[in-house]
Amino acid sequence: MIGAPTEEEWFGIRMHAQDFQLHTTLQPNAGHTGCGMIVKVEDIPESRQGLYNSKENKLYTVLTDFGNTFILTVEELETAYTITGVEKDPQSRFMRQQELLREAWDKYFK
């Protein structure tokens, strides 16, 4: 391939590879949590690696559209979520979520 991949090629590659990284957007597999985005990726401290029994040395913080956060291993991500893409502008996504919640509040609770 010459040049940068198209968005379709990029997302296709990422979704196929199950590449969880910062700002990856996620959809729950079983509907138990909301859609979300990975907002933090950190190494598991060496002194605690045995506690997680993970194939990767990473912990992923997921922020749901409702504002809840979860810290998960890659195995937990793989069983709970499907990758839907990569957020190019996380701040805009966050601001839009707040706007939609304010509109819902005004419509249903005032």
PDB file of N, CA and C in Angstrom:
ATOM      1  N   MET A   1       0.847  -1.169   0.000  1.00  0.00           N
ATOM      2  CA  MET A   1       0.000   0.000   0.000  1.00  0.00           C
ATOM      3  C   MET A   1       0.893   1.233   0.000  1.00  0.00           C
ATOM      4  N   ILE A   2       0.578   2.202  -0.855  1.00  0.00           N
ATOM      5  CA  ILE A   2       1.329   3.445  -0.935  1.00  0.00           C
ATOM      6  C   ILE A   2       0.573   4.515  -0.152  1.00  0.00           C
ATOM      7  N   GLY A   3       1.289   5.276   0.681  1.00  0.00           N
ATOM      8  CA  GLY A   3       0.662   6.340   1.454  1.00  0.00           C
ATOM      9  C   GLY A   3      -0.044   5.800   2.686  1.00  0.00           C
ATOM     10  N   ALA A   4      -0.701   6.716   3.372  1.00  0.00           N
ATOM     11  CA  ALA A   4      -1.420   6.358   4.603  1.00  0.00           C
ATOM     12  C   ALA A   4      -2.689   5.581   4.263  1.00  0.00           C
ATOM     13  N   PRO A   5      -3.094   4.667   5.150  1.00  0.00           N
ATOM     14  CA  PRO A   5      -4.336   3.924   4.895  1.00  0.00           C
ATOM     15  C   PRO A   5      -5.558   4.832   5.001  1.00  0.00           C
ATOM     16  N   THR A   6      -6.609   4.469   4.282  1.00  0.00           N
ATOM     17  CA  THR A   6      -7.867   5.200   4.397  1.00  0.00           C
ATOM     18  C   THR A   6      -8.483   4.905   5.758  1.00  0.00           C
ATOM     19  N   GLU A   7      -9.497   5.681   6.154  1.00  0.00           N
ATOM     20  CA  GLU A   7     -10.182   5.417   7.424  1.00  0.00           C
ATOM     21  C   GLU A   7     -10.760   4.012   7.447  1.00  0.00           C
ATOM     22  N   GLU A   8     -11.350   3.577   6.334  1.00  0.00           N
ATOM     23  CA  GLU A   8     -11.928   2.227   6.292  1.00  0.00           C
ATOM     24  C   GLU A   8     -10.855   1.167   6.496  1.00  0.00           C
ATOM     25  N   GLU A   9      -9.712   1.338   5.840  1.00  0.00           N
ATOM     26  CA  GLU A   9      -8.621   0.376   6.009  1.00  0.00           C
ATOM     27  C   GLU A   9      -8.096   0.417   7.441  1.00  0.00           C
ATOM     28  N   TRP A  10      -7.942   1.637   7.976  1.00  0.00           N
ATOM     29  CA  TRP A  10      -7.412   1.801   9.335  1.00  0.00           C
ATOM     30  C   TRP A  10      -8.323   1.123  10.351  1.00  0.00           C
ATOM     31  N   PHE A  11      -9.618   1.444  10.312  1.00  0.00           N
ATOM     32  CA  PHE A  11     -10.538   0.863  11.280  1.00  0.00           C
ATOM     33  C   PHE A  11     -10.683  -0.636  11.072  1.00  0.00           C
ATOM     34  N   GLY A  12     -10.658  -1.099   9.821  1.00  0.00           N
ATOM     35  CA  GLY A  12     -10.732  -2.524   9.557  1.00  0.00           C
ATOM     36  C   GLY A  12      -9.556  -3.267  10.146  1.00  0.00           C
ATOM     37  N   ILE A  13      -8.376  -2.705   9.978  1.00  0.00           N
ATOM     38  CA  ILE A  13      -7.171  -3.323  10.540  1.00  0.00           C
ATOM     39  C   ILE A  13      -7.261  -3.344  12.055  1.00  0.00           C
ATOM     40  N   ARG A  14      -7.634  -2.237  12.660  1.00  0.00           N
ATOM     41  CA  ARG A  14      -7.678  -2.125  14.105  1.00  0.00           C
ATOM     42  C   ARG A  14      -8.741  -3.059  14.691  1.00  0.00           C
ATOM     43  N   MET A  15      -9.902  -3.098  14.073  1.00  0.00           N
ATOM     44  CA  MET A  15     -10.946  -3.941  14.619  1.00  0.00           C
ATOM     45  C   MET A  15     -10.562  -5.413  14.505  1.00  0.00           C
ATOM     46  N   HIS A  16      -9.942  -5.777  13.421  1.00  0.00           N
ATOM     47  CA  HIS A  16      -9.545  -7.170  13.233  1.00  0.00           C
ATOM     48  C   HIS A  16      -8.462  -7.566  14.239  1.00  0.00           C
ATOM     49  N   ALA A  17      -7.535  -6.646  14.494  1.00  0.00           N
ATOM     50  CA  ALA A  17      -6.410  -6.957  15.373  1.00  0.00           C
ATOM     51  C   ALA A  17      -6.780  -6.858  16.844  1.00  0.00           C
ATOM     52  N   GLN A  18      -7.943  -6.321  17.164  1.00  0.00           N
ATOM     53  CA  GLN A  18      -8.330  -6.109  18.560  1.00  0.00           C
ATOM     54  C   GLN A  18      -7.252  -5.316  19.291  1.00  0.00           C
ATOM     55  N   ASP A  19      -6.874  -4.192  18.715  1.00  0.00           N
ATOM     56  CA  ASP A  19      -5.801  -3.357  19.238  1.00  0.00           C
ATOM     57  C   ASP A  19      -6.377  -2.315  20.191  1.00  0.00           C
ATOM     58  N   PHE A  20      -6.401  -2.629  21.466  1.00  0.00           N
ATOM     59  CA  PHE A  20      -6.905  -1.698  22.464  1.00  0.00           C
ATOM     60  C   PHE A  20      -5.810  -0.696  22.791  1.00  0.00           C
ATOM     61  N   GLN A  21      -6.114   0.592  22.593  1.00  0.00           N
ATOM     62  CA  GLN A  21      -5.163   1.634  22.930  1.00  0.00           C
ATOM     63  C   GLN A  21      -5.925   2.904  23.295  1.00  0.00           C
ATOM     64  N   LEU A  22      -5.177   3.934  23.657  1.00  0.00           N
ATOM     65  CA  LEU A  22      -5.767   5.193  24.076  1.00  0.00           C
ATOM     66  C   LEU A  22      -6.747   5.715  23.029  1.00  0.00           C
ATOM     67  N   HIS A  23      -7.927   6.098  23.478  1.00  0.00           N
ATOM     68  CA  HIS A  23      -9.018   6.684  22.695  1.00  0.00           C
ATOM     69  C   HIS A  23      -9.716   5.700  21.766  1.00  0.00           C
ATOM     70  N   THR A  24      -9.486   4.397  21.967  1.00  0.00           N
ATOM     71  CA  THR A  24     -10.264   3.397  21.247  1.00  0.00           C
ATOM     72  C   THR A  24     -11.692   3.461  21.769  1.00  0.00           C
ATOM     73  N   THR A  25     -12.677   3.479  20.860  1.00  0.00           N
ATOM     74  CA  THR A  25     -14.075   3.494  21.263  1.00  0.00           C
ATOM     75  C   THR A  25     -14.598   2.057  21.280  1.00  0.00           C
ATOM     76  N   LEU A  26     -15.498   1.814  22.232  1.00  0.00           N
ATOM     77  CA  LEU A  26     -15.925   0.452  22.530  1.00  0.00           C
ATOM     78  C   LEU A  26     -17.435   0.339  22.626  1.00  0.00           C
ATOM     79  N   GLN A  27     -17.942  -0.811  22.251  1.00  0.00           N
ATOM     80  CA  GLN A  27     -19.358  -1.153  22.401  1.00  0.00           C
ATOM     81  C   GLN A  27     -19.435  -2.404  23.265  1.00  0.00           C
ATOM     82  N   PRO A  28     -20.324  -2.409  24.267  1.00  0.00           N
ATOM     83  CA  PRO A  28     -20.401  -3.594  25.123  1.00  0.00           C
ATOM     84  C   PRO A  28     -20.924  -4.806  24.353  1.00  0.00           C
ATOM     85  N   ASN A  29     -20.361  -5.965  24.646  1.00  0.00           N
ATOM     86  CA  ASN A  29     -20.783  -7.201  23.987  1.00  0.00           C
ATOM     87  C   ASN A  29     -22.138  -7.681  24.474  1.00  0.00           C
ATOM     88  N   ALA A  30     -22.397  -7.573  25.765  1.00  0.00           N
ATOM     89  CA  ALA A  30     -23.622  -8.134  26.329  1.00  0.00           C
ATOM     90  C   ALA A  30     -24.573  -7.070  26.868  1.00  0.00           C
ATOM     91  N   GLY A  31     -24.242  -5.808  26.700  1.00  0.00           N
ATOM     92  CA  GLY A  31     -25.129  -4.751  27.149  1.00  0.00           C
ATOM     93  C   GLY A  31     -25.124  -4.492  28.640  1.00  0.00           C
ATOM     94  N   HIS A  32     -24.124  -4.999  29.350  1.00  0.00           N
ATOM     95  CA  HIS A  32     -24.081  -4.811  30.800  1.00  0.00           C
ATOM     96  C   HIS A  32     -23.504  -3.460  31.206  1.00  0.00           C
ATOM     97  N   THR A  33     -22.732  -2.826  30.335  1.00  0.00           N
ATOM     98  CA  THR A  33     -22.180  -1.504  30.597  1.00  0.00           C
ATOM     99  C   THR A  33     -22.472  -0.648  29.388  1.00  0.00           C
ATOM    100  N   GLY A  34     -22.205   0.642  29.496  1.00  0.00           N
ATOM    101  CA  GLY A  34     -22.439   1.528  28.366  1.00  0.00           C
ATOM    102  C   GLY A  34     -21.294   1.509  27.380  1.00  0.00           C
ATOM    103  N   CYS A  35     -21.533   2.134  26.220  1.00  0.00           N
ATOM    104  CA  CYS A  35     -20.444   2.332  25.277  1.00  0.00           C
ATOM    105  C   CYS A  35     -19.382   3.163  25.970  1.00  0.00           C
ATOM    106  N   GLY A  36     -18.168   3.062  25.509  1.00  0.00           N
ATOM    107  CA  GLY A  36     -17.116   3.776  26.197  1.00  0.00           C
ATOM    108  C   GLY A  36     -15.917   4.041  25.325  1.00  0.00           C
ATOM    109  N   MET A  37     -14.897   4.595  25.979  1.00  0.00           N
ATOM    110  CA  MET A  37     -13.654   4.929  25.318  1.00  0.00           C
ATOM    111  C   MET A  37     -12.514   4.687  26.306  1.00  0.00           C
ATOM    112  N   ILE A  38     -11.415   4.147  25.811  1.00  0.00           N
ATOM    113  CA  ILE A  38     -10.244   3.968  26.662  1.00  0.00           C
ATOM    114  C   ILE A  38      -9.599   5.345  26.862  1.00  0.00           C
ATOM    115  N   VAL A  39      -9.500   5.763  28.121  1.00  0.00           N
ATOM    116  CA  VAL A  39      -8.969   7.085  28.430  1.00  0.00           C
ATOM    117  C   VAL A  39      -7.596   7.043  29.092  1.00  0.00           C
ATOM    118  N   LYS A  40      -7.151   5.842  29.477  1.00  0.00           N
ATOM    119  CA  LYS A  40      -5.841   5.718  30.094  1.00  0.00           C
ATOM    120  C   LYS A  40      -5.329   4.304  29.889  1.00  0.00           C
ATOM    121  N   VAL A  41      -4.057   4.201  29.531  1.00  0.00           N
ATOM    122  CA  VAL A  41      -3.380   2.907  29.425  1.00  0.00           C
ATOM    123  C   VAL A  41      -2.122   3.025  30.273  1.00  0.00           C
ATOM    124  N   GLU A  42      -1.962   2.105  31.206  1.00  0.00           N
ATOM    125  CA  GLU A  42      -0.794   2.168  32.077  1.00  0.00           C
ATOM    126  C   GLU A  42      -0.200   0.783  32.279  1.00  0.00           C
ATOM    127  N   ASP A  43       1.081   0.769  32.561  1.00  0.00           N
ATOM    128  CA  ASP A  43       1.754  -0.493  32.856  1.00  0.00           C
ATOM    129  C   ASP A  43       1.361  -0.969  34.246  1.00  0.00           C
ATOM    130  N   ILE A  44       1.210  -2.266  34.383  1.00  0.00           N
ATOM    131  CA  ILE A  44       0.991  -2.854  35.706  1.00  0.00           C
ATOM    132  C   ILE A  44       2.325  -2.788  36.443  1.00  0.00           C
ATOM    133  N   PRO A  45       2.351  -2.235  37.653  1.00  0.00           N
ATOM    134  CA  PRO A  45       3.611  -2.199  38.399  1.00  0.00           C
ATOM    135  C   PRO A  45       4.174  -3.610  38.552  1.00  0.00           C
ATOM    136  N   GLU A  46       5.466  -3.729  38.435  1.00  0.00           N
ATOM    137  CA  GLU A  46       6.118  -5.038  38.492  1.00  0.00           C
ATOM    138  C   GLU A  46       5.735  -5.805  39.760  1.00  0.00           C
ATOM    139  N   SER A  47       5.607  -5.087  40.870  1.00  0.00           N
ATOM    140  CA  SER A  47       5.290  -5.744  42.136  1.00  0.00           C
ATOM    141  C   SER A  47       3.861  -6.302  42.171  1.00  0.00           C
ATOM    142  N   ARG A  48       3.001  -5.915  41.215  1.00  0.00           N
ATOM    143  CA  ARG A  48       1.605  -6.356  41.221  1.00  0.00           C
ATOM    144  C   ARG A  48       1.226  -7.210  40.011  1.00  0.00           C
ATOM    145  N   GLN A  49       2.183  -7.495  39.146  1.00  0.00           N
ATOM    146  CA  GLN A  49       1.879  -8.234  37.920  1.00  0.00           C
ATOM    147  C   GLN A  49       1.280  -9.613  38.202  1.00  0.00           C
ATOM    148  N   GLY A  50       1.718 -10.274  39.235  1.00  0.00           N
ATOM    149  CA  GLY A  50       1.195 -11.595  39.562  1.00  0.00           C
ATOM    150  C   GLY A  50      -0.269 -11.583  39.973  1.00  0.00           C
ATOM    151  N   LEU A  51      -0.760 -10.451  40.436  1.00  0.00           N
ATOM    152  CA  LEU A  51      -2.163 -10.353  40.857  1.00  0.00           C
ATOM    153  C   LEU A  51      -3.126 -10.387  39.676  1.00  0.00           C
ATOM    154  N   TYR A  52      -2.677  -9.954  38.520  1.00  0.00           N
ATOM    155  CA  TYR A  52      -3.580  -9.814  37.377  1.00  0.00           C
ATOM    156  C   TYR A  52      -3.572 -11.024  36.455  1.00  0.00           C
ATOM    157  N   ASN A  53      -2.505 -11.787  36.420  1.00  0.00           N
ATOM    158  CA  ASN A  53      -2.428 -12.975  35.581  1.00  0.00           C
ATOM    159  C   ASN A  53      -2.891 -12.677  34.153  1.00  0.00           C
ATOM    160  N   SER A  54      -2.346 -11.621  33.573  1.00  0.00           N
ATOM    161  CA  SER A  54      -2.736 -11.166  32.244  1.00  0.00           C
ATOM    162  C   SER A  54      -1.636 -11.447  31.235  1.00  0.00           C
ATOM    163  N   LYS A  55      -2.033 -11.649  29.988  1.00  0.00           N
ATOM    164  CA  LYS A  55      -1.053 -11.869  28.930  1.00  0.00           C
ATOM    165  C   LYS A  55      -0.330 -10.586  28.547  1.00  0.00           C
ATOM    166  N   GLU A  56      -0.859  -9.441  28.990  1.00  0.00           N
ATOM    167  CA  GLU A  56      -0.215  -8.146  28.748  1.00  0.00           C
ATOM    168  C   GLU A  56       0.147  -7.517  30.076  1.00  0.00           C
ATOM    169  N   ASN A  57       1.075  -6.609  30.036  1.00  0.00           N
ATOM    170  CA  ASN A  57       1.504  -5.874  31.218  1.00  0.00           C
ATOM    171  C   ASN A  57       0.810  -4.508  31.274  1.00  0.00           C
ATOM    172  N   LYS A  58      -0.469  -4.447  30.886  1.00  0.00           N
ATOM    173  CA  LYS A  58      -1.191  -3.180  30.798  1.00  0.00           C
ATOM    174  C   LYS A  58      -2.521  -3.248  31.540  1.00  0.00           C
ATOM    175  N   LEU A  59      -2.933  -2.092  32.047  1.00  0.00           N
ATOM    176  CA  LEU A  59      -4.283  -1.883  32.565  1.00  0.00           C
ATOM    177  C   LEU A  59      -4.914  -0.765  31.747  1.00  0.00           C
ATOM    178  N   TYR A  60      -6.193  -0.920  31.437  1.00  0.00           N
ATOM    179  CA  TYR A  60      -6.915   0.026  30.595  1.00  0.00           C
ATOM    180  C   TYR A  60      -8.057   0.636  31.390  1.00  0.00           C
ATOM    181  N   THR A  61      -8.131   1.967  31.408  1.00  0.00           N
ATOM    182  CA  THR A  61      -9.250   2.652  32.049  1.00  0.00           C
ATOM    183  C   THR A  61     -10.260   3.009  30.971  1.00  0.00           C
ATOM    184  N   VAL A  62     -11.494   2.528  31.144  1.00  0.00           N
ATOM    185  CA  VAL A  62     -12.581   2.791  30.206  1.00  0.00           C
ATOM    186  C   VAL A  62     -13.534   3.786  30.849  1.00  0.00           C
ATOM    187  N   LEU A  63     -13.860   4.849  30.118  1.00  0.00           N
ATOM    188  CA  LEU A  63     -14.855   5.838  30.535  1.00  0.00           C
ATOM    189  C   LEU A  63     -16.106   5.589  29.705  1.00  0.00           C
ATOM    190  N   THR A  64     -17.233   5.273  30.372  1.00  0.00           N
ATOM    191  CA  THR A  64     -18.473   5.020  29.630  1.00  0.00           C
ATOM    192  C   THR A  64     -19.125   6.343  29.257  1.00  0.00           C
ATOM    193  N   ASP A  65     -20.071   6.275  28.339  1.00  0.00           N
ATOM    194  CA  ASP A  65     -20.790   7.477  27.918  1.00  0.00           C
ATOM    195  C   ASP A  65     -21.570   8.112  29.060  1.00  0.00           C
ATOM    196  N   PHE A  66     -21.829   7.350  30.102  1.00  0.00           N
ATOM    197  CA  PHE A  66     -22.569   7.871  31.248  1.00  0.00           C
ATOM    198  C   PHE A  66     -21.633   8.438  32.321  1.00  0.00           C
ATOM    199  N   GLY A  67     -20.331   8.230  32.150  1.00  0.00           N
ATOM    200  CA  GLY A  67     -19.357   8.791  33.070  1.00  0.00           C
ATOM    201  C   GLY A  67     -18.752   7.818  34.067  1.00  0.00           C
ATOM    202  N   ASN A  68     -19.153   6.559  34.013  1.00  0.00           N
ATOM    203  CA  ASN A  68     -18.546   5.558  34.883  1.00  0.00           C
ATOM    204  C   ASN A  68     -17.169   5.181  34.347  1.00  0.00           C
ATOM    205  N   THR A  69     -16.283   4.742  35.231  1.00  0.00           N
ATOM    206  CA  THR A  69     -14.973   4.274  34.795  1.00  0.00           C
ATOM    207  C   THR A  69     -14.714   2.874  35.336  1.00  0.00           C
ATOM    208  N   PHE A  70     -13.982   2.103  34.540  1.00  0.00           N
ATOM    209  CA  PHE A  70     -13.583   0.746  34.893  1.00  0.00           C
ATOM    210  C   PHE A  70     -12.112   0.595  34.549  1.00  0.00           C
ATOM    211  N   ILE A  71     -11.367  -0.109  35.369  1.00  0.00           N
ATOM    212  CA  ILE A  71      -9.979  -0.451  35.052  1.00  0.00           C
ATOM    213  C   ILE A  71      -9.952  -1.942  34.765  1.00  0.00           C
ATOM    214  N   LEU A  72      -9.537  -2.283  33.530  1.00  0.00           N
ATOM    215  CA  LEU A  72      -9.634  -3.655  33.054  1.00  0.00           C
ATOM    216  C   LEU A  72      -8.311  -4.144  32.467  1.00  0.00           C
ATOM    217  N   THR A  73      -8.127  -5.455  32.498  1.00  0.00           N
ATOM    218  CA  THR A  73      -7.022  -6.083  31.775  1.00  0.00           C
ATOM    219  C   THR A  73      -7.467  -6.291  30.327  1.00  0.00           C
ATOM    220  N   VAL A  74      -6.540  -6.667  29.467  1.00  0.00           N
ATOM    221  CA  VAL A  74      -6.888  -6.908  28.072  1.00  0.00           C
ATOM    222  C   VAL A  74      -7.879  -8.066  27.949  1.00  0.00           C
ATOM    223  N   GLU A  75      -7.744  -9.085  28.797  1.00  0.00           N
ATOM    224  CA  GLU A  75      -8.688 -10.212  28.741  1.00  0.00           C
ATOM    225  C   GLU A  75     -10.107  -9.757  29.087  1.00  0.00           C
ATOM    226  N   GLU A  76     -10.218  -8.884  30.078  1.00  0.00           N
ATOM    227  CA  GLU A  76     -11.539  -8.362  30.451  1.00  0.00           C
ATOM    228  C   GLU A  76     -12.106  -7.498  29.333  1.00  0.00           C
ATOM    229  N   LEU A  77     -11.268  -6.691  28.689  1.00  0.00           N
ATOM    230  CA  LEU A  77     -11.719  -5.893  27.546  1.00  0.00           C
ATOM    231  C   LEU A  77     -12.214  -6.788  26.422  1.00  0.00           C
ATOM    232  N   GLU A  78     -11.454  -7.833  26.126  1.00  0.00           N
ATOM    233  CA  GLU A  78     -11.814  -8.725  25.019  1.00  0.00           C
ATOM    234  C   GLU A  78     -13.144  -9.422  25.253  1.00  0.00           C
ATOM    235  N   THR A  79     -13.470  -9.737  26.502  1.00  0.00           N
ATOM    236  CA  THR A  79     -14.741 -10.414  26.766  1.00  0.00           C
ATOM    237  C   THR A  79     -15.901  -9.435  26.929  1.00  0.00           C
ATOM    238  N   ALA A  80     -15.620  -8.192  27.312  1.00  0.00           N
ATOM    239  CA  ALA A  80     -16.693  -7.238  27.597  1.00  0.00           C
ATOM    240  C   ALA A  80     -17.016  -6.299  26.437  1.00  0.00           C
ATOM    241  N   TYR A  81     -16.047  -6.011  25.583  1.00  0.00           N
ATOM    242  CA  TYR A  81     -16.225  -4.962  24.573  1.00  0.00           C
ATOM    243  C   TYR A  81     -15.786  -5.384  23.187  1.00  0.00           C
ATOM    244  N   THR A  82     -16.362  -4.713  22.189  1.00  0.00           N
ATOM    245  CA  THR A  82     -15.950  -4.798  20.805  1.00  0.00           C
ATOM    246  C   THR A  82     -15.460  -3.417  20.397  1.00  0.00           C
ATOM    247  N   ILE A  83     -14.341  -3.352  19.697  1.00  0.00           N
ATOM    248  CA  ILE A  83     -13.811  -2.069  19.219  1.00  0.00           C
ATOM    249  C   ILE A  83     -14.707  -1.545  18.105  1.00  0.00           C
ATOM    250  N   THR A  84     -15.060  -0.253  18.196  1.00  0.00           N
ATOM    251  CA  THR A  84     -15.852   0.371  17.139  1.00  0.00           C
ATOM    252  C   THR A  84     -15.056   1.404  16.355  1.00  0.00           C
ATOM    253  N   GLY A  85     -13.903   1.807  16.847  1.00  0.00           N
ATOM    254  CA  GLY A  85     -13.071   2.779  16.138  1.00  0.00           C
ATOM    255  C   GLY A  85     -12.093   3.446  17.081  1.00  0.00           C
ATOM    256  N   VAL A  86     -11.612   4.589  16.629  1.00  0.00           N
ATOM    257  CA  VAL A  86     -10.710   5.403  17.432  1.00  0.00           C
ATOM    258  C   VAL A  86     -11.233   6.822  17.410  1.00  0.00           C
ATOM    259  N   GLU A  87     -11.411   7.412  18.578  1.00  0.00           N
ATOM    260  CA  GLU A  87     -11.915   8.786  18.675  1.00  0.00           C
ATOM    261  C   GLU A  87     -10.792   9.754  18.327  1.00  0.00           C
ATOM    262  N   LYS A  88     -11.013  10.551  17.301  1.00  0.00           N
ATOM    263  CA  LYS A  88     -10.000  11.519  16.877  1.00  0.00           C
ATOM    264  C   LYS A  88     -10.034  12.785  17.719  1.00  0.00           C
ATOM    265  N   ASP A  89     -11.193  13.086  18.302  1.00  0.00           N
ATOM    266  CA  ASP A  89     -11.342  14.317  19.085  1.00  0.00           C
ATOM    267  C   ASP A  89     -12.078  13.995  20.385  1.00  0.00           C
ATOM    268  N   PRO A  90     -11.370  13.414  21.372  1.00  0.00           N
ATOM    269  CA  PRO A  90     -12.036  13.003  22.608  1.00  0.00           C
ATOM    270  C   PRO A  90     -12.704  14.148  23.356  1.00  0.00           C
ATOM    271  N   GLN A  91     -12.141  15.344  23.287  1.00  0.00           N
ATOM    272  CA  GLN A  91     -12.755  16.473  23.991  1.00  0.00           C
ATOM    273  C   GLN A  91     -14.125  16.795  23.406  1.00  0.00           C
ATOM    274  N   SER A  92     -14.254  16.791  22.091  1.00  0.00           N
ATOM    275  CA  SER A  92     -15.551  17.054  21.459  1.00  0.00           C
ATOM    276  C   SER A  92     -16.573  15.992  21.835  1.00  0.00           C
ATOM    277  N   ARG A  93     -16.148  14.744  21.894  1.00  0.00           N
ATOM    278  CA  ARG A  93     -17.054  13.665  22.297  1.00  0.00           C
ATOM    279  C   ARG A  93     -17.558  13.908  23.714  1.00  0.00           C
ATOM    280  N   PHE A  94     -16.645  14.254  24.612  1.00  0.00           N
ATOM    281  CA  PHE A  94     -16.996  14.501  26.004  1.00  0.00           C
ATOM    282  C   PHE A  94     -17.954  15.691  26.122  1.00  0.00           C
ATOM    283  N   MET A  95     -17.688  16.761  25.395  1.00  0.00           N
ATOM    284  CA  MET A  95     -18.549  17.946  25.433  1.00  0.00           C
ATOM    285  C   MET A  95     -19.938  17.621  24.881  1.00  0.00           C
ATOM    286  N   ARG A  96     -20.011  16.829  23.823  1.00  0.00           N
ATOM    287  CA  ARG A  96     -21.304  16.441  23.235  1.00  0.00           C
ATOM    288  C   ARG A  96     -22.106  15.587  24.218  1.00  0.00           C
ATOM    289  N   GLN A  97     -21.443  14.699  24.940  1.00  0.00           N
ATOM    290  CA  GLN A  97     -22.136  13.891  25.947  1.00  0.00           C
ATOM    291  C   GLN A  97     -22.773  14.796  26.999  1.00  0.00           C
ATOM    292  N   GLN A  98     -22.029  15.793  27.448  1.00  0.00           N
ATOM    293  CA  GLN A  98     -22.561  16.712  28.455  1.00  0.00           C
ATOM    294  C   GLN A  98     -23.744  17.502  27.901  1.00  0.00           C
ATOM    295  N   GLU A  99     -23.634  17.940  26.667  1.00  0.00           N
ATOM    296  CA  GLU A  99     -24.713  18.686  26.026  1.00  0.00           C
ATOM    297  C   GLU A  99     -25.987  17.837  25.943  1.00  0.00           C
ATOM    298  N   LEU A 100     -25.854  16.582  25.544  1.00  0.00           N
ATOM    299  CA  LEU A 100     -27.018  15.703  25.435  1.00  0.00           C
ATOM    300  C   LEU A 100     -27.665  15.451  26.798  1.00  0.00           C
ATOM    301  N   LEU A 101     -26.850  15.278  27.840  1.00  0.00           N
ATOM    302  CA  LEU A 101     -27.407  15.091  29.189  1.00  0.00           C
ATOM    303  C   LEU A 101     -28.133  16.340  29.674  1.00  0.00           C
ATOM    304  N   ARG A 102     -27.577  17.522  29.383  1.00  0.00           N
ATOM    305  CA  ARG A 102     -28.266  18.774  29.771  1.00  0.00           C
ATOM    306  C   ARG A 102     -29.607  18.898  29.048  1.00  0.00           C
ATOM    307  N   GLU A 103     -29.624  18.583  27.760  1.00  0.00           N
ATOM    308  CA  GLU A 103     -30.872  18.648  26.992  1.00  0.00           C
ATOM    309  C   GLU A 103     -31.909  17.675  27.551  1.00  0.00           C
ATOM    310  N   ALA A 104     -31.479  16.464  27.890  1.00  0.00           N
ATOM    311  CA  ALA A 104     -32.398  15.482  28.468  1.00  0.00           C
ATOM    312  C   ALA A 104     -32.919  15.973  29.813  1.00  0.00           C
ATOM    313  N   TRP A 105     -32.055  16.555  30.635  1.00  0.00           N
ATOM    314  CA  TRP A 105     -32.468  17.092  31.930  1.00  0.00           C
ATOM    315  C   TRP A 105     -33.543  18.162  31.740  1.00  0.00           C
ATOM    316  N   ASP A 106     -33.282  19.095  30.849  1.00  0.00           N
ATOM    317  CA  ASP A 106     -34.230  20.178  30.599  1.00  0.00           C
ATOM    318  C   ASP A 106     -35.565  19.655  30.066  1.00  0.00           C
ATOM    319  N   LYS A 107     -35.531  18.640  29.240  1.00  0.00           N
ATOM    320  CA  LYS A 107     -36.737  18.108  28.629  1.00  0.00           C
ATOM    321  C   LYS A 107     -37.566  17.265  29.591  1.00  0.00           C
ATOM    322  N   TYR A 108     -36.930  16.446  30.427  1.00  0.00           N
ATOM    323  CA  TYR A 108     -37.659  15.467  31.213  1.00  0.00           C
ATOM    324  C   TYR A 108     -37.743  15.771  32.711  1.00  0.00           C
ATOM    325  N   PHE A 109     -36.926  16.690  33.198  1.00  0.00           N
ATOM    326  CA  PHE A 109     -36.897  16.886  34.640  1.00  0.00           C
ATOM    327  C   PHE A 109     -37.182  18.309  35.097  1.00  0.00           C
ATOM    328  N   LYS A 110     -37.373  19.227  34.181  1.00  0.00           N
ATOM    329  CA  LYS A 110     -37.674  20.613  34.595  1.00  0.00           C
ATOM    330  C   LYS A 110     -39.135  20.913  34.464  1.00  0.00           C
TER     331      LYS A 110
END
